[in-house]
Amino acid sequence: MITVIGGTYDELCFEPHWKERFGSGLRACWVINTLGGSNKDIKFCTFADPSIEEFLKMLSPAPFSKLETANIRESIKFYYDHPLITPRIFPRPDTFNRVENTFISQEKNILYYGFMEGSAIVNGKKVVYDPQSPVMPISFSKTGSQAEELVYVINYREATLLSGKTEIQHIKDYFLKEEKAVALVLKMGPRGALVASPGKSDILVPVYRTNNVWPIGSGDVFAAVFAFHWFNNKDIEYAAIQASWQTAAYCNSKDFQFSELGSNSEIRQLKITQYPQGQVYLAGPFFTYSERWLVNEIRRSLLEMNLNVFSPWHDVGHGIASEVVQKDIAALDNSSIVFAVLDGLDSGTLFEIGYAVKQGIPTIGYVENESSESVKMLEGTGCILEKDLTTAVYKCFWKLSENE
């Protein structure tokens, strides 16, 4: 029996359109059910308002064999403008009484995701804990829980907030010594993951490049795949590598079409030892509010990947040709890649791309609404064109990493 303790939430994305009911806990049930081929050994514990509870009871087929719910007044909804943005959450998490809403669970194998609407106190033989909070994560020990064997699956930002440290060694010391985990699986975004265990050498888990990128729910999938394999007596390294591969499969397909390691030609291993240092030149029109909003979102997303970004709007601004053009050209000469917003076929953006192509600077183009005929010259000169913003941003990171 695997017990999954986690949320059931509505997820709504404006672009690309996404309106589904998942959340960390329910998504994990689907993952484990898919990997295991049966729902007979999955117990799902979640908070639910009447609507969520009815939905879970009516699921057919259900990805779990046993359901335990605790009532709350209103379930949580996540609203994304696009997958790379921090979602807006309704109702506000600070309106929930976490102390009042508490699960108690004692099972053999427990996958425990952090809640916003409540908390859980667990006692398990094997426990995988994913705090699931980019702002106020709670350590396993502070939940009042116990585990004979505890594995933390956590991203770097959450790890720094819990440990109060930024150096990898100090982070490892906190989780392995103070939290007494038998292993730390530290997710580092596009750089892959690190597996640390007491008295053993660190293991670097590769990241995989995909044709498409859908990150919403990817962290849920990683923890669920890892837990499934570890609970089934696979070693921690094997479980982490499987988690990375199957998460890539999920990001590529947007669903649970898992495959054997190495069997999907659309998923390719990358070796990224450090964040690339080359500059990204962010080309695109910025004459209207909507154009500036989009350029600002792309710049923020690239900066959050620890990339160096030059944006003509942010770093030079509006001005007459004699004041701005030479500054932009100089920045192009100092850039390793160009990310271009192509919708509207702005003349300045097209000039910048042409200049980059002549200089041998690779270009990633984000274009949703232009015809193939309109971008034929760009396609014919090796520019990488993508209709999906998230995929374009990730391919910019990967291309830049490959070139360094």
Protein backbone atom coordinates (compact mmCIF):
# COMPACT_ATOMS: atom_id res chain seq x y z
CA MET A 1 0.00 0.00 0.00
CA ILE A 2 1.21 3.49 -0.89
CA THR A 3 -0.44 6.38 0.93
CA VAL A 4 -0.52 9.72 -0.86
CA ILE A 5 -1.17 12.79 1.26
CA GLY A 6 -1.59 15.96 -0.76
CA GLY A 7 -3.88 18.56 -2.25
CA THR A 8 -6.65 18.38 -4.81
CA TYR A 9 -6.81 21.72 -6.61
CA ASP A 10 -8.25 23.37 -9.70
CA GLU A 11 -5.55 24.52 -12.13
CA LEU A 12 -6.39 27.15 -14.73
CA CYS A 13 -3.91 28.53 -17.27
CA PHE A 14 -4.76 31.40 -19.62
CA GLU A 15 -2.17 30.64 -22.33
CA PRO A 16 -1.91 27.89 -23.37
CA HIS A 17 -5.40 27.03 -22.23
CA TRP A 18 -5.54 24.55 -19.35
CA LYS A 19 -8.45 23.87 -17.04
CA GLU A 20 -8.06 20.70 -15.02
CA ARG A 21 -8.58 19.36 -11.51
CA PHE A 22 -5.35 17.87 -10.21
CA GLY A 23 -3.19 19.29 -7.44
CA SER A 24 -0.14 17.54 -6.02
CA GLY A 25 -1.95 14.65 -4.34
CA LEU A 26 -4.39 13.68 -7.07
CA ARG A 27 -1.74 14.02 -9.78
CA ALA A 28 0.54 11.74 -7.76
CA CYS A 29 -2.23 9.12 -7.55
CA TRP A 30 -2.57 9.15 -11.34
CA VAL A 31 1.22 8.84 -11.74
CA ILE A 32 1.57 5.93 -9.32
CA ASN A 33 -1.52 4.24 -10.73
CA THR A 34 -0.04 4.51 -14.24
CA LEU A 35 3.36 3.20 -13.20
CA GLY A 36 1.90 0.38 -11.11
CA GLY A 37 -0.79 -0.64 -13.56
CA SER A 38 -3.47 -0.79 -10.83
CA ASN A 39 -5.15 1.39 -8.23
CA LYS A 40 -5.63 -1.39 -5.69
CA ASP A 41 -2.72 -0.33 -3.49
CA ILE A 42 -3.15 3.46 -3.32
CA LYS A 43 -4.75 5.30 -0.42
CA PHE A 44 -5.40 9.00 -1.03
CA CYS A 45 -5.78 11.52 1.79
CA THR A 46 -6.77 15.07 0.85
CA PHE A 47 -8.68 18.14 2.01
CA ALA A 48 -11.88 18.76 0.08
CA ASP A 49 -14.85 21.06 -0.06
CA PRO A 50 -18.19 19.44 -1.07
CA SER A 51 -17.50 19.96 -4.78
CA ILE A 52 -14.05 18.31 -4.65
CA GLU A 53 -15.31 15.47 -2.47
CA GLU A 54 -18.14 14.67 -4.89
CA PHE A 55 -15.73 14.86 -7.84
CA LEU A 56 -13.31 12.39 -6.22
CA LYS A 57 -16.05 9.95 -5.29
CA MET A 58 -17.44 10.03 -8.82
CA LEU A 59 -14.11 9.38 -10.57
CA SER A 60 -14.35 6.28 -12.72
CA PRO A 61 -11.93 4.70 -12.97
CA ALA A 62 -10.39 6.19 -9.87
CA PRO A 63 -6.59 6.26 -9.53
CA PHE A 64 -6.83 5.15 -5.90
CA SER A 65 -8.45 2.29 -4.04
CA LYS A 66 -9.19 4.11 -0.80
CA LEU A 67 -10.15 7.74 -0.25
CA GLU A 68 -10.00 9.72 2.98
CA THR A 69 -11.05 13.37 2.97
CA ALA A 70 -11.11 16.15 5.54
CA ASN A 71 -13.65 18.89 4.98
CA ILE A 72 -12.77 22.50 4.30
CA ARG A 73 -15.09 25.37 3.33
CA GLU A 74 -13.55 26.13 -0.07
CA SER A 75 -10.97 24.36 -2.19
CA ILE A 76 -7.97 26.12 -3.69
CA LYS A 77 -7.69 27.33 -7.28
CA PHE A 78 -4.42 28.14 -9.06
CA TYR A 79 -4.57 30.75 -11.84
CA TYR A 80 -1.65 31.04 -14.28
CA ASP A 81 -1.31 33.68 -16.99
CA HIS A 82 1.27 31.31 -18.49
CA PRO A 83 3.16 28.31 -17.05
CA LEU A 84 6.31 30.30 -16.17
CA ILE A 85 4.56 32.74 -13.85
CA THR A 86 3.89 32.36 -10.13
CA PRO A 87 0.18 31.53 -9.95
CA ARG A 88 -2.46 33.58 -8.21
CA ILE A 89 -4.08 31.49 -5.49
CA PHE A 90 -7.72 31.76 -4.41
CA PRO A 91 -8.78 31.88 -1.70
CA ARG A 92 -5.69 33.38 -0.10
CA PRO A 93 -3.70 30.74 1.80
CA ASP A 94 -3.61 32.92 4.92
CA THR A 95 -7.38 32.54 5.26
CA PHE A 96 -7.07 28.84 6.09
CA ASN A 97 -6.66 27.55 9.62
CA ARG A 98 -3.78 25.11 9.22
CA VAL A 99 -3.93 24.00 12.85
CA GLU A 100 -7.65 23.23 12.66
CA ASN A 101 -7.27 21.29 9.39
CA THR A 102 -4.95 18.40 10.25
CA PHE A 103 -4.60 14.85 8.93
CA ILE A 104 -3.25 12.05 11.13
CA SER A 105 -1.79 9.10 9.25
CA GLN A 106 0.22 6.04 10.24
CA GLU A 107 1.15 3.86 7.27
CA LYS A 108 4.11 1.93 5.89
CA ASN A 109 4.86 3.97 2.74
CA ILE A 110 3.81 7.62 2.68
CA LEU A 111 4.25 10.26 -0.02
CA TYR A 112 3.58 13.54 1.78
CA TYR A 113 3.15 16.85 -0.06
CA GLY A 114 2.96 20.07 1.90
CA PHE A 115 -0.46 21.71 2.13
CA MET A 116 -1.57 25.34 2.17
CA GLU A 117 -5.06 24.64 3.49
CA GLY A 118 -3.97 22.42 6.36
CA SER A 119 -1.28 20.10 7.65
CA ALA A 120 -0.60 16.45 8.30
CA ILE A 121 1.10 14.49 11.07
CA VAL A 122 2.39 11.21 9.71
CA ASN A 123 4.24 8.21 11.08
CA GLY A 124 5.68 5.91 8.47
CA LYS A 125 8.35 3.35 7.77
CA LYS A 126 9.34 5.03 4.51
CA VAL A 127 8.32 8.65 3.90
CA VAL A 128 8.99 10.90 0.92
CA TYR A 129 8.38 14.53 1.85
CA ASP A 130 7.99 17.38 -0.65
CA PRO A 131 7.25 20.68 1.16
CA GLN A 132 5.64 22.25 -1.94
CA SER A 133 5.93 25.89 -0.93
CA PRO A 134 8.10 28.51 -2.69
CA VAL A 135 7.45 31.08 0.05
CA MET A 136 6.95 29.43 3.47
CA PRO A 137 7.98 25.76 3.37
CA ILE A 138 7.64 23.79 6.60
CA SER A 139 10.27 21.25 7.59
CA PHE A 140 9.23 17.64 8.16
CA SER A 141 10.30 17.77 11.79
CA LYS A 142 8.12 20.83 12.48
CA THR A 143 5.01 19.05 11.20
CA GLY A 144 5.32 16.74 14.21
CA SER A 145 5.78 13.76 11.87
CA GLN A 146 8.09 10.77 12.20
CA ALA A 147 9.70 8.36 9.75
CA GLU A 148 12.04 5.41 10.09
CA GLU A 149 13.47 6.40 6.72
CA LEU A 150 12.90 9.92 5.42
CA VAL A 151 13.75 11.25 1.96
CA TYR A 152 13.36 14.93 1.14
CA VAL A 153 12.45 15.77 -2.46
CA ILE A 154 12.80 19.54 -2.61
CA ASN A 155 13.77 22.29 -5.03
CA TYR A 156 16.75 24.56 -4.43
CA ARG A 157 14.70 27.64 -3.47
CA GLU A 158 12.69 25.75 -0.85
CA ALA A 159 15.89 24.17 0.45
CA THR A 160 17.53 27.56 0.96
CA LEU A 161 14.47 28.88 2.80
CA LEU A 162 14.30 25.88 5.16
CA SER A 163 18.02 25.63 5.83
CA GLY A 164 18.83 29.33 5.79
CA LYS A 165 21.87 28.44 3.65
CA THR A 166 22.81 28.88 0.00
CA GLU A 167 25.91 26.67 -0.27
CA ILE A 168 25.17 23.11 -1.34
CA GLN A 169 27.29 21.56 1.42
CA HIS A 170 25.51 23.55 4.12
CA ILE A 171 22.14 22.64 2.64
CA LYS A 172 23.10 18.95 2.68
CA ASP A 173 24.24 19.21 6.30
CA TYR A 174 20.89 20.67 7.33
CA PHE A 175 18.74 17.97 5.76
CA LEU A 176 20.97 14.97 6.44
CA LYS A 177 22.07 15.91 9.96
CA GLU A 178 19.42 18.17 11.45
CA GLU A 179 16.39 16.68 9.67
CA LYS A 180 17.94 13.18 9.82
CA ALA A 181 16.99 12.31 6.25
CA VAL A 182 18.48 9.15 4.73
CA ALA A 183 18.67 11.06 1.45
CA LEU A 184 18.18 14.52 -0.01
CA VAL A 185 17.02 14.84 -3.61
CA LEU A 186 17.73 18.47 -4.45
CA LYS A 187 16.03 19.61 -7.66
CA MET A 188 17.94 22.36 -9.47
CA GLY A 189 15.63 23.15 -12.37
CA PRO A 190 17.27 23.02 -15.79
CA ARG A 191 20.51 21.71 -14.24
CA GLY A 192 18.94 18.45 -13.08
CA ALA A 193 19.06 17.14 -9.52
CA LEU A 194 21.57 16.16 -6.86
CA VAL A 195 21.16 13.11 -4.62
CA ALA A 196 23.00 13.23 -1.30
CA SER A 197 23.12 10.52 1.37
CA PRO A 198 25.17 10.28 4.59
CA GLY A 199 28.63 8.81 4.00
CA LYS A 200 28.16 8.49 0.24
CA SER A 201 29.36 10.46 -2.77
CA ASP A 202 26.85 12.82 -4.31
CA ILE A 203 25.03 11.66 -7.43
CA LEU A 204 24.16 14.06 -10.22
CA VAL A 205 20.87 13.18 -11.91
CA PRO A 206 20.70 14.41 -15.52
CA VAL A 207 18.10 16.75 -16.91
CA TYR A 208 16.44 15.93 -20.21
CA ARG A 209 15.71 18.16 -23.18
CA THR A 210 12.25 17.74 -24.72
CA ASN A 211 10.51 18.96 -27.86
CA ASN A 212 7.79 20.58 -25.76
CA VAL A 213 7.80 21.93 -22.21
CA TRP A 214 4.81 21.90 -19.84
CA PRO A 215 6.06 22.60 -16.31
CA ILE A 216 2.77 22.83 -14.38
CA GLY A 217 2.69 19.77 -12.11
CA SER A 218 6.19 18.60 -13.04
CA GLY A 219 7.37 18.73 -9.42
CA ASP A 220 4.41 16.58 -8.37
CA VAL A 221 5.32 14.00 -11.00
CA PHE A 222 8.98 13.90 -9.98
CA ALA A 223 8.20 13.17 -6.32
CA ALA A 224 5.54 10.59 -7.23
CA VAL A 225 7.79 8.65 -9.62
CA PHE A 226 10.63 8.71 -7.10
CA ALA A 227 8.37 7.49 -4.28
CA PHE A 228 6.88 4.70 -6.39
CA HIS A 229 10.28 3.20 -7.19
CA TRP A 230 11.78 3.70 -3.72
CA PHE A 231 8.74 2.20 -2.02
CA ASN A 232 9.13 -0.77 -4.37
CA ASN A 233 12.64 -1.36 -3.03
CA LYS A 234 14.63 0.28 -5.82
CA ASP A 235 17.71 2.17 -4.69
CA ILE A 236 17.59 5.94 -4.33
CA GLU A 237 19.80 6.67 -7.36
CA TYR A 238 17.63 4.51 -9.63
CA ALA A 239 14.45 6.15 -8.29
CA ALA A 240 15.83 9.66 -8.87
CA ILE A 241 16.97 8.92 -12.44
CA GLN A 242 13.58 7.41 -13.25
CA ALA A 243 11.90 10.46 -11.73
CA SER A 244 13.90 12.82 -13.95
CA TRP A 245 13.20 10.80 -17.11
CA GLN A 246 9.48 10.34 -16.50
CA THR A 247 9.08 14.00 -15.52
CA ALA A 248 10.58 14.90 -18.88
CA ALA A 249 8.09 12.55 -20.54
CA TYR A 250 5.26 14.34 -18.70
CA CYS A 251 6.58 17.80 -19.66
CA ASN A 252 6.83 16.69 -23.29
CA SER A 253 3.33 15.21 -23.55
CA LYS A 254 1.30 17.04 -20.85
CA ASP A 255 -0.06 13.70 -19.63
CA PHE A 256 1.08 10.39 -18.15
CA GLN A 257 2.46 8.72 -21.27
CA PHE A 258 5.49 7.28 -19.51
CA SER A 259 8.12 5.24 -21.32
CA GLU A 260 11.18 3.14 -20.65
CA LEU A 261 14.34 5.10 -19.90
CA GLY A 262 16.02 6.05 -23.17
CA SER A 263 13.20 4.81 -25.40
CA ASN A 264 11.75 8.17 -26.52
CA SER A 265 13.74 9.95 -29.24
CA GLU A 266 12.05 13.27 -28.34
CA ILE A 267 13.75 13.21 -24.91
CA ARG A 268 17.50 13.71 -24.86
CA GLN A 269 19.89 13.86 -21.93
CA LEU A 270 21.73 17.11 -21.24
CA LYS A 271 24.84 17.62 -19.16
CA ILE A 272 24.77 21.08 -17.59
CA THR A 273 27.32 21.54 -14.82
CA GLN A 274 26.79 25.27 -14.33
CA TYR A 275 24.53 28.06 -15.46
CA PRO A 276 25.64 29.54 -18.80
CA GLN A 277 27.37 32.90 -18.65
CA GLY A 278 26.64 34.16 -22.17
CA GLN A 279 24.28 37.07 -22.66
CA VAL A 280 20.74 36.70 -24.03
CA TYR A 281 19.64 39.57 -26.27
CA LEU A 282 15.88 40.00 -25.87
CA ALA A 283 14.53 41.43 -29.14
CA GLY A 284 10.92 42.48 -29.56
CA PRO A 285 8.63 45.49 -29.95
CA PHE A 286 7.77 47.51 -26.85
CA PHE A 287 5.47 50.24 -28.11
CA THR A 288 2.22 49.17 -26.45
CA TYR A 289 1.28 47.98 -22.99
CA SER A 290 0.70 44.41 -24.19
CA GLU A 291 4.08 44.34 -25.95
CA ARG A 292 5.89 45.67 -22.89
CA TRP A 293 4.07 43.19 -20.64
CA LEU A 294 5.19 40.27 -22.80
CA VAL A 295 8.81 41.46 -23.04
CA ASN A 296 8.87 41.97 -19.28
CA GLU A 297 7.49 38.45 -18.62
CA ILE A 298 10.07 36.86 -20.92
CA ARG A 299 12.88 38.84 -19.30
CA ARG A 300 11.73 37.82 -15.83
CA SER A 301 11.52 34.16 -16.84
CA LEU A 302 15.03 34.21 -18.31
CA LEU A 303 16.44 35.97 -15.24
CA GLU A 304 14.83 33.36 -12.98
CA MET A 305 16.87 30.77 -14.89
CA ASN A 306 19.98 32.70 -13.77
CA LEU A 307 20.69 33.92 -17.30
CA ASN A 308 22.28 37.25 -18.19
CA VAL A 309 19.75 39.26 -20.20
CA PHE A 310 20.07 42.44 -22.25
CA SER A 311 16.72 44.04 -23.05
CA PRO A 312 16.72 47.17 -25.25
CA TRP A 313 13.60 48.40 -23.50
CA HIS A 314 14.93 47.84 -19.98
CA ASP A 315 18.62 48.63 -20.58
CA VAL A 316 18.45 51.41 -23.21
CA GLY A 317 14.83 52.52 -23.43
CA HIS A 318 13.07 54.72 -25.95
CA GLY A 319 15.03 57.35 -27.83
CA ILE A 320 16.00 58.66 -31.22
CA ALA A 321 17.99 56.45 -33.59
CA SER A 322 21.30 58.19 -32.95
CA GLU A 323 20.96 57.57 -29.21
CA VAL A 324 19.80 53.96 -29.06
CA VAL A 325 20.81 52.02 -32.17
CA GLN A 326 24.56 51.81 -31.57
CA LYS A 327 23.98 50.73 -27.96
CA ASP A 328 21.72 47.93 -29.16
CA ILE A 329 24.23 46.84 -31.83
CA ALA A 330 27.00 46.79 -29.25
CA ALA A 331 24.86 44.61 -27.01
CA LEU A 332 24.17 42.25 -29.92
CA ASP A 333 27.91 41.94 -30.55
CA ASN A 334 28.35 40.96 -26.88
CA SER A 335 25.50 38.42 -26.86
CA SER A 336 25.67 34.65 -27.25
CA ILE A 337 22.04 34.13 -28.29
CA VAL A 338 18.99 36.16 -29.35
CA PHE A 339 15.47 35.57 -28.06
CA ALA A 340 13.05 37.32 -30.40
CA VAL A 341 9.32 38.08 -30.17
CA LEU A 342 8.16 37.82 -33.78
CA ASP A 343 4.40 38.37 -33.79
CA GLY A 344 3.75 41.61 -35.63
CA LEU A 345 7.00 41.28 -37.60
CA ASP A 346 8.42 44.46 -36.09
CA SER A 347 11.05 45.92 -38.42
CA GLY A 348 13.57 46.58 -35.65
CA THR A 349 13.28 43.00 -34.37
CA LEU A 350 13.72 41.59 -37.88
CA PHE A 351 16.82 43.75 -38.37
CA GLU A 352 18.28 42.48 -35.09
CA ILE A 353 17.67 38.88 -36.14
CA GLY A 354 19.28 39.47 -39.53
CA TYR A 355 22.28 41.06 -37.87
CA ALA A 356 22.54 38.12 -35.45
CA VAL A 357 22.35 35.57 -38.26
CA LYS A 358 25.12 37.40 -40.15
CA GLN A 359 27.26 37.37 -37.00
CA GLY A 360 26.60 33.67 -36.39
CA ILE A 361 24.59 34.30 -33.22
CA PRO A 362 21.84 31.64 -32.74
CA THR A 363 18.26 32.88 -32.52
CA ILE A 364 15.18 31.54 -30.77
CA GLY A 365 11.97 33.04 -32.12
CA TYR A 366 8.64 33.05 -30.30
CA VAL A 367 5.86 33.34 -32.89
CA GLU A 368 2.21 32.38 -32.52
CA ASN A 369 0.31 34.16 -35.27
CA GLU A 370 2.53 34.60 -38.33
CA SER A 371 2.34 32.37 -41.39
CA SER A 372 5.18 30.11 -42.50
CA GLU A 373 5.58 32.32 -45.56
CA SER A 374 6.16 35.36 -43.34
CA VAL A 375 9.01 33.70 -41.45
CA LYS A 376 10.49 31.69 -44.32
CA MET A 377 13.81 33.57 -44.25
CA LEU A 378 14.16 32.93 -40.53
CA GLU A 379 13.41 29.22 -40.89
CA GLY A 380 15.83 28.97 -43.80
CA THR A 381 18.70 30.53 -41.87
CA GLY A 382 18.54 28.17 -38.91
CA CYS A 383 16.48 30.18 -36.45
CA ILE A 384 14.56 28.00 -33.97
CA LEU A 385 10.89 29.04 -34.05
CA GLU A 386 8.39 28.06 -31.36
CA LYS A 387 4.68 28.78 -30.93
CA ASP A 388 4.74 28.02 -27.20
CA LEU A 389 6.35 30.60 -24.91
CA THR A 390 7.51 28.18 -22.20
CA THR A 391 9.11 25.86 -24.74
CA ALA A 392 10.86 28.81 -26.41
CA VAL A 393 12.30 30.03 -23.09
CA TYR A 394 13.60 26.57 -22.15
CA LYS A 395 15.12 26.04 -25.60
CA CYS A 396 16.91 29.35 -25.21
CA PHE A 397 18.47 28.09 -21.98
CA TRP A 398 19.39 24.72 -23.49
CA LYS A 399 20.87 26.21 -26.68
CA LEU A 400 22.94 28.66 -24.68
CA SER A 401 24.16 25.85 -22.41
CA GLU A 402 25.12 23.66 -25.37
CA ASN A 403 27.19 26.45 -26.88
CA GLU A 404 29.34 27.00 -23.78
